[in-house]
Amino acid sequence: MKKFINHVDDFLAESLVGFATVHADLVVLNQEPLFVRRKELKPGKVALISGGGSGHEPLHSGFVGYGMLDAACPGQIFTSPTPDQMMAAAKAVDTGAGVLFIVKNYSGDLMNFEMASEMSDVANAMVLINDDVAVENSSYTTGRRGVAGAVIVEKLVGSLAESGANLEECKTFGDRINKRTASMGVAFTSCTVPAAGTLTFKIGDDEIEVGVGIHGEPGRRRAKFEPADAIAAELLTAIVDDLKPASDAQLLVLINGLGGTPLGELYLLFNSTRAWLQQHDLRIARAQVGSLTTSLEMAGASITLCVLDAEMMRHWDSAVHTPGLRWGR
């Protein structure tokens, strides 16, 4: 294992200190319990909190800031944060309008966020993200996994919260976005969790894992390597079959790198996606390309489609200023 590490047990703590120092104009790191919060809180605004195992950066800490999250609770690599982190974060960022927890559908995350929700003195609600269409159940979940669709939910609901919406409105909007969002990924290589020191799974040089999870969970099938057009077609067929967008639908396309894929390849995958959608008379209204929901150094990518309406498009276009995503401000 070759990684920039001093001591495995200190990896997360040292990484977060570096992150918070670089982005000290936007975020504050709380050490005990561990969470990242927005530096400047907006009084009377619904606060958005997400979190999950580390190793998926910039998700979630990288999306703390104006127009997205108010706090993020990082767990150890691929391990859920604890309820005390979530409760402390909620208390720290609540300014009177309550807290919305945005949770990816993994058993540990869901259990711990539900415990925090029940025990917290802060008024709260929850949005569950389950956008992965690859498999119905996986080694980490009961039901569909939450993957890169979390970025879209955090951005759109973050904008709505900035506009002054109340807690119920933010939850309703988040649930609606989740239902209109679907993702599927493919892995070319595995990744190595520092504490394990070995590859999470083994895959041949001529093989791909179609429908892989962001922790390296198995997908739909192990297949021989194919050209980008063929890979995009398989992922998009599954996504479109799930969403069933109307012919006049306005689609947001997110091409997401899993950590080890060059940006040039991601843009090529977007071009394959564009061509497939055009062949199927589907229109791209907005697009985002980049490594936003990663799996350490795994090579591969995921495709996410979100069926936008006018309100969602307006909130996608609105200003955002976070370490990992920023425009319009």
C-alpha atoms as a PDB file:
ATOM      1  CA  MET A   1       0.000   0.000   0.000  1.00  0.00           C
ATOM      2  CA  LYS A   2       1.422   3.362  -1.062  1.00  0.00           C
ATOM      3  CA  LYS A   3      -0.489   6.368   0.297  1.00  0.00           C
ATOM      4  CA  PHE A   4       0.408   9.692   1.864  1.00  0.00           C
ATOM      5  CA  ILE A   5       0.029   8.501   5.457  1.00  0.00           C
ATOM      6  CA  ASN A   6       1.978   8.980   8.665  1.00  0.00           C
ATOM      7  CA  HIS A   7       0.018   6.607  10.907  1.00  0.00           C
ATOM      8  CA  VAL A   8      -3.106   4.782   9.764  1.00  0.00           C
ATOM      9  CA  ASP A   9      -5.021   5.671  12.934  1.00  0.00           C
ATOM     10  CA  ASP A  10      -4.346   9.370  12.398  1.00  0.00           C
ATOM     11  CA  PHE A  11      -5.286   9.517   8.726  1.00  0.00           C
ATOM     12  CA  LEU A  12      -8.750  11.061   9.083  1.00  0.00           C
ATOM     13  CA  ALA A  13      -7.784  13.547  11.804  1.00  0.00           C
ATOM     14  CA  GLU A  14      -4.740  14.824   9.927  1.00  0.00           C
ATOM     15  CA  SER A  15      -6.624  15.023   6.633  1.00  0.00           C
ATOM     16  CA  LEU A  16      -9.435  17.057   8.206  1.00  0.00           C
ATOM     17  CA  VAL A  17      -7.001  19.481   9.853  1.00  0.00           C
ATOM     18  CA  GLY A  18      -5.446  20.077   6.449  1.00  0.00           C
ATOM     19  CA  PHE A  19      -8.857  20.513   4.827  1.00  0.00           C
ATOM     20  CA  ALA A  20     -10.099  22.949   7.467  1.00  0.00           C
ATOM     21  CA  THR A  21      -6.892  24.982   7.341  1.00  0.00           C
ATOM     22  CA  VAL A  22      -7.007  25.371   3.571  1.00  0.00           C
ATOM     23  CA  HIS A  23     -10.681  26.388   3.674  1.00  0.00           C
ATOM     24  CA  ALA A  24     -10.654  28.374   6.911  1.00  0.00           C
ATOM     25  CA  ASP A  25     -12.612  31.147   5.189  1.00  0.00           C
ATOM     26  CA  LEU A  26     -15.562  28.752   4.745  1.00  0.00           C
ATOM     27  CA  VAL A  27     -15.495  26.062   7.434  1.00  0.00           C
ATOM     28  CA  VAL A  28     -14.659  25.367  11.063  1.00  0.00           C
ATOM     29  CA  LEU A  29     -13.480  21.956  12.308  1.00  0.00           C
ATOM     30  CA  ASN A  30     -14.869  20.727  15.613  1.00  0.00           C
ATOM     31  CA  GLN A  31     -12.587  18.072  17.077  1.00  0.00           C
ATOM     32  CA  GLU A  32     -14.628  16.440  19.833  1.00  0.00           C
ATOM     33  CA  PRO A  33     -17.008  15.155  18.658  1.00  0.00           C
ATOM     34  CA  LEU A  34     -15.828  15.399  15.089  1.00  0.00           C
ATOM     35  CA  PHE A  35     -17.764  17.502  12.581  1.00  0.00           C
ATOM     36  CA  VAL A  36     -17.203  20.280  10.039  1.00  0.00           C
ATOM     37  CA  ARG A  37     -19.512  23.272  10.144  1.00  0.00           C
ATOM     38  CA  ARG A  38     -20.110  26.340   8.079  1.00  0.00           C
ATOM     39  CA  LYS A  39     -18.118  29.304   9.394  1.00  0.00           C
ATOM     40  CA  GLU A  40     -20.868  31.874   8.884  1.00  0.00           C
ATOM     41  CA  LEU A  41     -24.313  30.682   9.922  1.00  0.00           C
ATOM     42  CA  LYS A  42     -27.457  32.391   8.669  1.00  0.00           C
ATOM     43  CA  PRO A  43     -29.946  33.162  11.468  1.00  0.00           C
ATOM     44  CA  GLY A  44     -33.422  31.707  10.958  1.00  0.00           C
ATOM     45  CA  LYS A  45     -32.372  29.372   8.110  1.00  0.00           C
ATOM     46  CA  VAL A  46     -33.070  25.647   8.095  1.00  0.00           C
ATOM     47  CA  ALA A  47     -29.695  23.980   8.667  1.00  0.00           C
ATOM     48  CA  LEU A  48     -28.675  21.069   6.427  1.00  0.00           C
ATOM     49  CA  ILE A  49     -26.503  18.297   7.870  1.00  0.00           C
ATOM     50  CA  SER A  50     -25.152  15.250   6.075  1.00  0.00           C
ATOM     51  CA  GLY A  51     -22.343  12.815   6.672  1.00  0.00           C
ATOM     52  CA  GLY A  52     -21.078   9.311   6.228  1.00  0.00           C
ATOM     53  CA  GLY A  53     -17.888   7.354   6.036  1.00  0.00           C
ATOM     54  CA  SER A  54     -14.835   9.202   4.796  1.00  0.00           C
ATOM     55  CA  GLY A  55     -13.127   8.205   1.564  1.00  0.00           C
ATOM     56  CA  HIS A  56     -15.784   9.800  -0.671  1.00  0.00           C
ATOM     57  CA  GLU A  57     -14.358  13.326  -0.707  1.00  0.00           C
ATOM     58  CA  PRO A  58     -15.395  15.982  -1.496  1.00  0.00           C
ATOM     59  CA  LEU A  59     -18.660  14.408  -0.270  1.00  0.00           C
ATOM     60  CA  HIS A  60     -19.739  15.560   2.367  1.00  0.00           C
ATOM     61  CA  SER A  61     -17.363  17.976   4.119  1.00  0.00           C
ATOM     62  CA  GLY A  62     -16.413  19.556   0.808  1.00  0.00           C
ATOM     63  CA  PHE A  63     -19.991  20.733   0.340  1.00  0.00           C
ATOM     64  CA  VAL A  64     -20.233  22.707   3.583  1.00  0.00           C
ATOM     65  CA  GLY A  65     -20.781  26.384   2.840  1.00  0.00           C
ATOM     66  CA  TYR A  66     -23.140  28.877   1.270  1.00  0.00           C
ATOM     67  CA  GLY A  67     -25.903  27.234  -0.764  1.00  0.00           C
ATOM     68  CA  MET A  68     -25.339  23.662   0.437  1.00  0.00           C
ATOM     69  CA  LEU A  69     -24.618  22.111   3.840  1.00  0.00           C
ATOM     70  CA  ASP A  70     -24.296  23.769   7.211  1.00  0.00           C
ATOM     71  CA  ALA A  71     -22.427  20.804   8.700  1.00  0.00           C
ATOM     72  CA  ALA A  72     -20.992  17.418   7.785  1.00  0.00           C
ATOM     73  CA  CYS A  73     -20.210  14.513  10.105  1.00  0.00           C
ATOM     74  CA  PRO A  74     -17.308  12.369   8.824  1.00  0.00           C
ATOM     75  CA  GLY A  75     -16.840   8.806  10.016  1.00  0.00           C
ATOM     76  CA  GLN A  76     -13.706   6.752   9.594  1.00  0.00           C
ATOM     77  CA  ILE A  77     -13.037   5.408   6.088  1.00  0.00           C
ATOM     78  CA  PHE A  78     -16.235   3.748   4.799  1.00  0.00           C
ATOM     79  CA  THR A  79     -17.631   3.741   8.367  1.00  0.00           C
ATOM     80  CA  SER A  80     -20.680   5.616   9.605  1.00  0.00           C
ATOM     81  CA  PRO A  81     -20.289   8.605  11.911  1.00  0.00           C
ATOM     82  CA  THR A  82     -21.820   8.262  15.369  1.00  0.00           C
ATOM     83  CA  PRO A  83     -25.032   9.794  16.767  1.00  0.00           C
ATOM     84  CA  ASP A  84     -23.102  12.070  19.146  1.00  0.00           C
ATOM     85  CA  GLN A  85     -21.399  13.693  16.147  1.00  0.00           C
ATOM     86  CA  MET A  86     -24.746  14.359  14.504  1.00  0.00           C
ATOM     87  CA  MET A  87     -26.393  15.668  17.666  1.00  0.00           C
ATOM     88  CA  ALA A  88     -23.488  18.015  18.407  1.00  0.00           C
ATOM     89  CA  ALA A  89     -23.470  19.258  14.814  1.00  0.00           C
ATOM     90  CA  ALA A  90     -27.220  19.908  14.946  1.00  0.00           C
ATOM     91  CA  LYS A  91     -26.889  21.901  18.148  1.00  0.00           C
ATOM     92  CA  ALA A  92     -23.981  23.889  16.703  1.00  0.00           C
ATOM     93  CA  VAL A  93     -25.680  24.952  13.465  1.00  0.00           C
ATOM     94  CA  ASP A  94     -29.343  25.282  14.437  1.00  0.00           C
ATOM     95  CA  THR A  95     -30.306  28.963  14.355  1.00  0.00           C
ATOM     96  CA  GLY A  96     -33.958  28.519  15.204  1.00  0.00           C
ATOM     97  CA  ALA A  97     -35.514  26.942  12.084  1.00  0.00           C
ATOM     98  CA  GLY A  98     -34.526  23.325  12.748  1.00  0.00           C
ATOM     99  CA  VAL A  99     -32.246  20.853  11.005  1.00  0.00           C
ATOM    100  CA  LEU A 100     -32.682  18.649   7.945  1.00  0.00           C
ATOM    101  CA  PHE A 101     -30.568  15.483   7.943  1.00  0.00           C
ATOM    102  CA  ILE A 102     -29.647  14.279   4.443  1.00  0.00           C
ATOM    103  CA  VAL A 103     -28.723  10.602   4.688  1.00  0.00           C
ATOM    104  CA  LYS A 104     -27.457   8.114   2.107  1.00  0.00           C
ATOM    105  CA  ASN A 105     -29.183   4.740   2.417  1.00  0.00           C
ATOM    106  CA  TYR A 106     -26.573   2.622   4.165  1.00  0.00           C
ATOM    107  CA  SER A 107     -27.549   0.610   7.215  1.00  0.00           C
ATOM    108  CA  GLY A 108     -25.047   2.219   9.608  1.00  0.00           C
ATOM    109  CA  ASP A 109     -25.686   5.769   8.421  1.00  0.00           C
ATOM    110  CA  LEU A 110     -29.448   5.354   8.594  1.00  0.00           C
ATOM    111  CA  MET A 111     -29.415   3.743  12.035  1.00  0.00           C
ATOM    112  CA  ASN A 112     -27.145   6.387  13.557  1.00  0.00           C
ATOM    113  CA  PHE A 113     -28.909   9.364  11.973  1.00  0.00           C
ATOM    114  CA  GLU A 114     -32.264   7.983  13.156  1.00  0.00           C
ATOM    115  CA  MET A 115     -30.879   7.662  16.689  1.00  0.00           C
ATOM    116  CA  ALA A 116     -29.570  11.229  16.545  1.00  0.00           C
ATOM    117  CA  SER A 117     -32.900  12.459  15.206  1.00  0.00           C
ATOM    118  CA  GLU A 118     -34.806  10.825  18.058  1.00  0.00           C
ATOM    119  CA  MET A 119     -32.424  11.988  20.817  1.00  0.00           C
ATOM    120  CA  SER A 120     -31.763  15.525  19.585  1.00  0.00           C
ATOM    121  CA  ASP A 121     -33.439  18.484  21.264  1.00  0.00           C
ATOM    122  CA  VAL A 122     -33.348  20.331  17.934  1.00  0.00           C
ATOM    123  CA  ALA A 123     -36.408  20.162  15.662  1.00  0.00           C
ATOM    124  CA  ASN A 124     -35.412  17.989  12.716  1.00  0.00           C
ATOM    125  CA  ALA A 125     -36.498  15.984   9.691  1.00  0.00           C
ATOM    126  CA  MET A 126     -34.732  13.558   7.359  1.00  0.00           C
ATOM    127  CA  VAL A 127     -34.334  12.949   3.632  1.00  0.00           C
ATOM    128  CA  LEU A 128     -33.115   9.483   2.606  1.00  0.00           C
ATOM    129  CA  ILE A 129     -31.058   9.220  -0.598  1.00  0.00           C
ATOM    130  CA  ASN A 130     -31.413   5.942  -2.546  1.00  0.00           C
ATOM    131  CA  ASP A 131     -30.586   6.819  -6.147  1.00  0.00           C
ATOM    132  CA  ASP A 132     -28.470   3.775  -7.138  1.00  0.00           C
ATOM    133  CA  VAL A 133     -30.440   1.611  -9.580  1.00  0.00           C
ATOM    134  CA  ALA A 134     -27.795  -1.111  -9.883  1.00  0.00           C
ATOM    135  CA  VAL A 135     -29.059  -3.473  -7.186  1.00  0.00           C
ATOM    136  CA  GLU A 136     -32.007  -3.479  -4.803  1.00  0.00           C
ATOM    137  CA  ASN A 137     -30.019  -4.752  -1.808  1.00  0.00           C
ATOM    138  CA  SER A 138     -26.286  -4.763  -1.137  1.00  0.00           C
ATOM    139  CA  SER A 139     -23.825  -5.722   1.568  1.00  0.00           C
ATOM    140  CA  TYR A 140     -24.189  -2.296   3.205  1.00  0.00           C
ATOM    141  CA  THR A 141     -27.907  -1.677   2.668  1.00  0.00           C
ATOM    142  CA  THR A 142     -31.487  -2.774   2.861  1.00  0.00           C
ATOM    143  CA  GLY A 143     -32.906  -1.259  -0.289  1.00  0.00           C
ATOM    144  CA  ARG A 144     -31.151   0.855  -2.893  1.00  0.00           C
ATOM    145  CA  ARG A 145     -27.875   2.574  -2.087  1.00  0.00           C
ATOM    146  CA  GLY A 146     -27.382   6.319  -1.873  1.00  0.00           C
ATOM    147  CA  VAL A 147     -24.581   7.527  -4.134  1.00  0.00           C
ATOM    148  CA  ALA A 148     -23.798  10.642  -6.218  1.00  0.00           C
ATOM    149  CA  GLY A 149     -27.429  11.765  -6.216  1.00  0.00           C
ATOM    150  CA  ALA A 150     -26.673  13.104  -2.729  1.00  0.00           C
ATOM    151  CA  VAL A 151     -24.731  15.956  -4.345  1.00  0.00           C
ATOM    152  CA  ILE A 152     -27.785  17.052  -6.315  1.00  0.00           C
ATOM    153  CA  VAL A 153     -30.085  16.870  -3.298  1.00  0.00           C
ATOM    154  CA  GLU A 154     -27.635  18.830  -1.134  1.00  0.00           C
ATOM    155  CA  LYS A 155     -27.250  21.529  -3.795  1.00  0.00           C
ATOM    156  CA  LEU A 156     -30.958  21.970  -4.584  1.00  0.00           C
ATOM    157  CA  VAL A 157     -32.256  21.787  -1.011  1.00  0.00           C
ATOM    158  CA  GLY A 158     -29.357  23.956   0.135  1.00  0.00           C
ATOM    159  CA  SER A 159     -30.498  26.661  -2.255  1.00  0.00           C
ATOM    160  CA  LEU A 160     -34.113  26.332  -1.131  1.00  0.00           C
ATOM    161  CA  ALA A 161     -33.048  26.680   2.508  1.00  0.00           C
ATOM    162  CA  GLU A 162     -31.050  29.807   1.658  1.00  0.00           C
ATOM    163  CA  SER A 163     -34.219  31.292   0.167  1.00  0.00           C
ATOM    164  CA  GLY A 164     -36.038  31.022   3.514  1.00  0.00           C
ATOM    165  CA  ALA A 165     -38.072  27.820   3.153  1.00  0.00           C
ATOM    166  CA  ASN A 166     -39.172  26.112   6.349  1.00  0.00           C
ATOM    167  CA  LEU A 167     -38.208  22.624   7.528  1.00  0.00           C
ATOM    168  CA  GLU A 168     -41.257  20.856   6.100  1.00  0.00           C
ATOM    169  CA  GLU A 169     -40.774  22.534   2.715  1.00  0.00           C
ATOM    170  CA  CYS A 170     -37.097  21.538   2.624  1.00  0.00           C
ATOM    171  CA  LYS A 171     -37.898  17.899   3.437  1.00  0.00           C
ATOM    172  CA  THR A 172     -40.683  17.719   0.854  1.00  0.00           C
ATOM    173  CA  PHE A 173     -38.388  19.198  -1.791  1.00  0.00           C
ATOM    174  CA  GLY A 174     -35.570  16.784  -0.901  1.00  0.00           C
ATOM    175  CA  ASP A 175     -37.863  13.769  -1.142  1.00  0.00           C
ATOM    176  CA  ARG A 176     -39.137  14.965  -4.520  1.00  0.00           C
ATOM    177  CA  ILE A 177     -35.611  15.415  -5.890  1.00  0.00           C
ATOM    178  CA  ASN A 178     -34.569  11.962  -4.689  1.00  0.00           C
ATOM    179  CA  LYS A 179     -37.504  10.345  -6.510  1.00  0.00           C
ATOM    180  CA  ARG A 180     -36.488  12.110  -9.735  1.00  0.00           C
ATOM    181  CA  THR A 181     -32.813  11.080  -9.503  1.00  0.00           C
ATOM    182  CA  ALA A 182     -31.109   7.829 -10.504  1.00  0.00           C
ATOM    183  CA  SER A 183     -27.481   6.712 -10.722  1.00  0.00           C
ATOM    184  CA  MET A 184     -25.340   3.765 -11.715  1.00  0.00           C
ATOM    185  CA  GLY A 185     -21.578   3.272 -11.715  1.00  0.00           C
ATOM    186  CA  VAL A 186     -18.814   1.085 -13.089  1.00  0.00           C
ATOM    187  CA  ALA A 187     -15.408   0.252 -11.604  1.00  0.00           C
ATOM    188  CA  PHE A 188     -12.205  -0.551 -13.471  1.00  0.00           C
ATOM    189  CA  THR A 189     -10.084  -1.134 -10.349  1.00  0.00           C
ATOM    190  CA  SER A 190     -10.551  -1.662  -6.646  1.00  0.00           C
ATOM    191  CA  CYS A 191      -9.421   0.660  -3.853  1.00  0.00           C
ATOM    192  CA  THR A 192      -7.464   0.128  -0.635  1.00  0.00           C
ATOM    193  CA  VAL A 193      -8.859   1.126   2.756  1.00  0.00           C
ATOM    194  CA  PRO A 194      -5.825   2.318   4.759  1.00  0.00           C
ATOM    195  CA  ALA A 195      -6.712   0.299   7.855  1.00  0.00           C
ATOM    196  CA  ALA A 196      -6.990  -2.877   5.766  1.00  0.00           C
ATOM    197  CA  GLY A 197      -3.897  -2.295   3.630  1.00  0.00           C
ATOM    198  CA  THR A 198      -5.148  -4.591   0.865  1.00  0.00           C
ATOM    199  CA  LEU A 199      -7.460  -4.232  -2.122  1.00  0.00           C
ATOM    200  CA  THR A 200     -11.166  -4.264  -1.273  1.00  0.00           C
ATOM    201  CA  PHE A 201     -11.852  -6.643  -4.150  1.00  0.00           C
ATOM    202  CA  LYS A 202      -9.885  -8.245  -6.971  1.00  0.00           C
ATOM    203  CA  ILE A 203     -10.660  -7.579 -10.611  1.00  0.00           C
ATOM    204  CA  GLY A 204      -8.839  -8.659 -13.749  1.00  0.00           C
ATOM    205  CA  ASP A 205      -7.037  -6.248 -16.030  1.00  0.00           C
ATOM    206  CA  ASP A 206      -9.623  -6.932 -18.741  1.00  0.00           C
ATOM    207  CA  GLU A 207     -12.655  -6.817 -16.435  1.00  0.00           C
ATOM    208  CA  ILE A 208     -15.088  -4.189 -15.122  1.00  0.00           C
ATOM    209  CA  GLU A 209     -17.621  -4.282 -12.275  1.00  0.00           C
ATOM    210  CA  VAL A 210     -20.911  -2.964 -13.655  1.00  0.00           C
ATOM    211  CA  GLY A 211     -23.075  -1.354 -10.975  1.00  0.00           C
ATOM    212  CA  VAL A 212     -20.368  -1.163  -8.307  1.00  0.00           C
ATOM    213  CA  GLY A 213     -21.111   0.563  -4.988  1.00  0.00           C
ATOM    214  CA  ILE A 214     -19.014   3.420  -3.625  1.00  0.00           C
ATOM    215  CA  HIS A 215     -17.532   1.110  -0.966  1.00  0.00           C
ATOM    216  CA  GLY A 216     -16.547  -1.458  -3.550  1.00  0.00           C
ATOM    217  CA  GLU A 217     -19.708  -3.547  -3.136  1.00  0.00           C
ATOM    218  CA  PRO A 218     -20.515  -5.891  -6.018  1.00  0.00           C
ATOM    219  CA  GLY A 219     -22.708  -4.622  -8.805  1.00  0.00           C
ATOM    220  CA  ARG A 220     -24.975  -6.320 -11.318  1.00  0.00           C
ATOM    221  CA  ARG A 221     -22.286  -8.276 -13.104  1.00  0.00           C
ATOM    222  CA  ARG A 222     -18.588  -8.711 -13.732  1.00  0.00           C
ATOM    223  CA  ALA A 223     -17.961  -8.096 -17.436  1.00  0.00           C
ATOM    224  CA  LYS A 224     -15.183  -7.814 -19.969  1.00  0.00           C
ATOM    225  CA  PHE A 225     -13.843  -4.313 -20.616  1.00  0.00           C
ATOM    226  CA  GLU A 226     -15.776  -2.414 -23.297  1.00  0.00           C
ATOM    227  CA  PRO A 227     -15.563   0.938 -25.130  1.00  0.00           C
ATOM    228  CA  ALA A 228     -16.973   3.993 -23.375  1.00  0.00           C
ATOM    229  CA  ASP A 229     -20.037   4.150 -25.652  1.00  0.00           C
ATOM    230  CA  ALA A 230     -21.042   0.602 -24.687  1.00  0.00           C
ATOM    231  CA  ILE A 231     -20.501   1.223 -20.961  1.00  0.00           C
ATOM    232  CA  ALA A 232     -22.513   4.445 -21.090  1.00  0.00           C
ATOM    233  CA  ALA A 233     -25.316   2.683 -22.951  1.00  0.00           C
ATOM    234  CA  GLU A 234     -25.631  -0.036 -20.296  1.00  0.00           C
ATOM    235  CA  LEU A 235     -25.632   2.437 -17.402  1.00  0.00           C
ATOM    236  CA  LEU A 236     -28.052   4.819 -19.103  1.00  0.00           C
ATOM    237  CA  THR A 237     -30.455   2.058 -20.126  1.00  0.00           C
ATOM    238  CA  ALA A 238     -30.819   1.045 -16.474  1.00  0.00           C
ATOM    239  CA  ILE A 239     -31.163   4.653 -15.306  1.00  0.00           C
ATOM    240  CA  VAL A 240     -33.725   5.658 -17.933  1.00  0.00           C
ATOM    241  CA  ASP A 241     -35.719   2.468 -17.403  1.00  0.00           C
ATOM    242  CA  ASP A 242     -35.973   3.467 -13.738  1.00  0.00           C
ATOM    243  CA  LEU A 243     -36.777   7.169 -14.208  1.00  0.00           C
ATOM    244  CA  LYS A 244     -38.940   6.855 -17.326  1.00  0.00           C
ATOM    245  CA  PRO A 245     -38.484  10.520 -18.260  1.00  0.00           C
ATOM    246  CA  ALA A 246     -40.971  12.106 -20.646  1.00  0.00           C
ATOM    247  CA  SER A 247     -39.748  13.018 -24.109  1.00  0.00           C
ATOM    248  CA  ASP A 248     -39.727  16.715 -23.181  1.00  0.00           C
ATOM    249  CA  ALA A 249     -37.929  16.170 -19.859  1.00  0.00           C
ATOM    250  CA  GLN A 250     -35.192  18.584 -18.805  1.00  0.00           C
ATOM    251  CA  LEU A 251     -32.308  16.422 -17.582  1.00  0.00           C
ATOM    252  CA  LEU A 252     -29.433  17.260 -15.289  1.00  0.00           C
ATOM    253  CA  VAL A 253     -26.500  14.965 -16.099  1.00  0.00           C
ATOM    254  CA  LEU A 254     -23.796  14.344 -13.502  1.00  0.00           C
ATOM    255  CA  ILE A 255     -20.737  12.414 -14.643  1.00  0.00           C
ATOM    256  CA  ASN A 256     -18.940  11.501 -11.434  1.00  0.00           C
ATOM    257  CA  GLY A 257     -15.418  10.129 -11.132  1.00  0.00           C
ATOM    258  CA  LEU A 258     -14.773   7.524  -8.439  1.00  0.00           C
ATOM    259  CA  GLY A 259     -11.348   8.888  -7.498  1.00  0.00           C
ATOM    260  CA  GLY A 260      -8.825   7.441  -9.931  1.00  0.00           C
ATOM    261  CA  THR A 261     -10.214   8.506 -13.314  1.00  0.00           C
ATOM    262  CA  PRO A 262      -8.694  11.464 -15.182  1.00  0.00           C
ATOM    263  CA  LEU A 263     -10.951  14.389 -15.983  1.00  0.00           C
ATOM    264  CA  GLY A 264     -10.368  13.904 -19.708  1.00  0.00           C
ATOM    265  CA  GLU A 265     -11.926  10.446 -19.515  1.00  0.00           C
ATOM    266  CA  LEU A 266     -14.907  11.826 -17.598  1.00  0.00           C
ATOM    267  CA  TYR A 267     -15.539  14.402 -20.317  1.00  0.00           C
ATOM    268  CA  LEU A 268     -15.324  11.620 -22.907  1.00  0.00           C
ATOM    269  CA  LEU A 269     -17.885   9.653 -20.901  1.00  0.00           C
ATOM    270  CA  PHE A 270     -20.104  12.732 -20.865  1.00  0.00           C
ATOM    271  CA  ASN A 271     -19.832  12.880 -24.652  1.00  0.00           C
ATOM    272  CA  SER A 272     -20.896   9.227 -24.876  1.00  0.00           C
ATOM    273  CA  THR A 273     -23.798  10.041 -22.547  1.00  0.00           C
ATOM    274  CA  ARG A 274     -24.792  13.058 -24.633  1.00  0.00           C
ATOM    275  CA  ALA A 275     -24.818  10.987 -27.822  1.00  0.00           C
ATOM    276  CA  TRP A 276     -26.915   8.186 -26.268  1.00  0.00           C
ATOM    277  CA  LEU A 277     -29.473  10.602 -24.836  1.00  0.00           C
ATOM    278  CA  GLN A 278     -29.689  12.421 -28.169  1.00  0.00           C
ATOM    279  CA  GLN A 279     -30.328   9.108 -29.953  1.00  0.00           C
ATOM    280  CA  HIS A 280     -33.189   8.484 -27.516  1.00  0.00           C
ATOM    281  CA  ASP A 281     -34.687  11.964 -27.956  1.00  0.00           C
ATOM    282  CA  LEU A 282     -33.792  13.072 -24.431  1.00  0.00           C
ATOM    283  CA  ARG A 283     -32.509  16.567 -23.735  1.00  0.00           C
ATOM    284  CA  ILE A 284     -29.687  17.680 -21.447  1.00  0.00           C
ATOM    285  CA  ALA A 285     -30.630  20.917 -19.700  1.00  0.00           C
ATOM    286  CA  ARG A 286     -27.733  21.084 -17.227  1.00  0.00           C
ATOM    287  CA  ALA A 287     -24.495  19.121 -16.819  1.00  0.00           C
ATOM    288  CA  GLN A 288     -21.766  18.684 -14.227  1.00  0.00           C
ATOM    289  CA  VAL A 289     -18.561  16.677 -14.662  1.00  0.00           C
ATOM    290  CA  GLY A 290     -16.049  15.929 -11.917  1.00  0.00           C
ATOM    291  CA  SER A 291     -15.050  13.644  -9.064  1.00  0.00           C
ATOM    292  CA  LEU A 292     -17.649  14.619  -6.450  1.00  0.00           C
ATOM    293  CA  THR A 293     -18.542  11.285  -4.814  1.00  0.00           C
ATOM    294  CA  THR A 294     -15.393   9.184  -4.813  1.00  0.00           C
ATOM    295  CA  SER A 295     -14.259   5.813  -3.498  1.00  0.00           C
ATOM    296  CA  LEU A 296     -10.664   6.533  -2.457  1.00  0.00           C
ATOM    297  CA  GLU A 297      -8.488   5.805  -5.526  1.00  0.00           C
ATOM    298  CA  MET A 298     -10.927   3.553  -7.386  1.00  0.00           C
ATOM    299  CA  ALA A 299     -10.840   3.988 -11.159  1.00  0.00           C
ATOM    300  CA  GLY A 300     -14.275   4.227 -12.690  1.00  0.00           C
ATOM    301  CA  ALA A 301     -17.248   6.547 -12.853  1.00  0.00           C
ATOM    302  CA  SER A 302     -20.959   6.850 -12.305  1.00  0.00           C
ATOM    303  CA  ILE A 303     -23.697   8.523 -14.302  1.00  0.00           C
ATOM    304  CA  THR A 304     -26.564  10.313 -12.576  1.00  0.00           C
ATOM    305  CA  LEU A 305     -29.664  11.733 -14.228  1.00  0.00           C
ATOM    306  CA  CYS A 306     -32.111  14.039 -12.476  1.00  0.00           C
ATOM    307  CA  VAL A 307     -35.399  15.029 -14.106  1.00  0.00           C
ATOM    308  CA  LEU A 308     -35.592  18.768 -13.452  1.00  0.00           C
ATOM    309  CA  ASP A 309     -38.624  20.978 -13.169  1.00  0.00           C
ATOM    310  CA  ALA A 310     -38.523  24.785 -13.274  1.00  0.00           C
ATOM    311  CA  GLU A 311     -38.065  25.116  -9.507  1.00  0.00           C
ATOM    312  CA  MET A 312     -35.260  22.573  -9.405  1.00  0.00           C
ATOM    313  CA  MET A 313     -33.486  24.180 -12.343  1.00  0.00           C
ATOM    314  CA  ARG A 314     -33.632  27.575 -10.645  1.00  0.00           C
ATOM    315  CA  HIS A 315     -32.086  26.173  -7.488  1.00  0.00           C
ATOM    316  CA  TRP A 316     -29.391  24.316  -9.429  1.00  0.00           C
ATOM    317  CA  ASP A 317     -28.383  27.578 -11.117  1.00  0.00           C
ATOM    318  CA  SER A 318     -28.343  29.577  -7.866  1.00  0.00           C
ATOM    319  CA  ALA A 319     -25.078  30.639  -6.241  1.00  0.00           C
ATOM    320  CA  VAL A 320     -23.040  28.124  -4.251  1.00  0.00           C
ATOM    321  CA  HIS A 321     -19.736  28.627  -2.446  1.00  0.00           C
ATOM    322  CA  THR A 322     -18.193  25.553  -0.843  1.00  0.00           C
ATOM    323  CA  PRO A 323     -14.732  23.961  -0.996  1.00  0.00           C
ATOM    324  CA  GLY A 324     -15.929  21.382  -3.524  1.00  0.00           C
ATOM    325  CA  LEU A 325     -18.528  23.230  -5.588  1.00  0.00           C
ATOM    326  CA  ARG A 326     -18.820  26.919  -6.345  1.00  0.00           C
ATOM    327  CA  TRP A 327     -20.343  29.231  -8.919  1.00  0.00           C
ATOM    328  CA  GLY A 328     -22.334  32.470  -9.183  1.00  0.00           C
ATOM    329  CA  ARG A 329     -21.050  34.270  -6.105  1.00  0.00           C
END
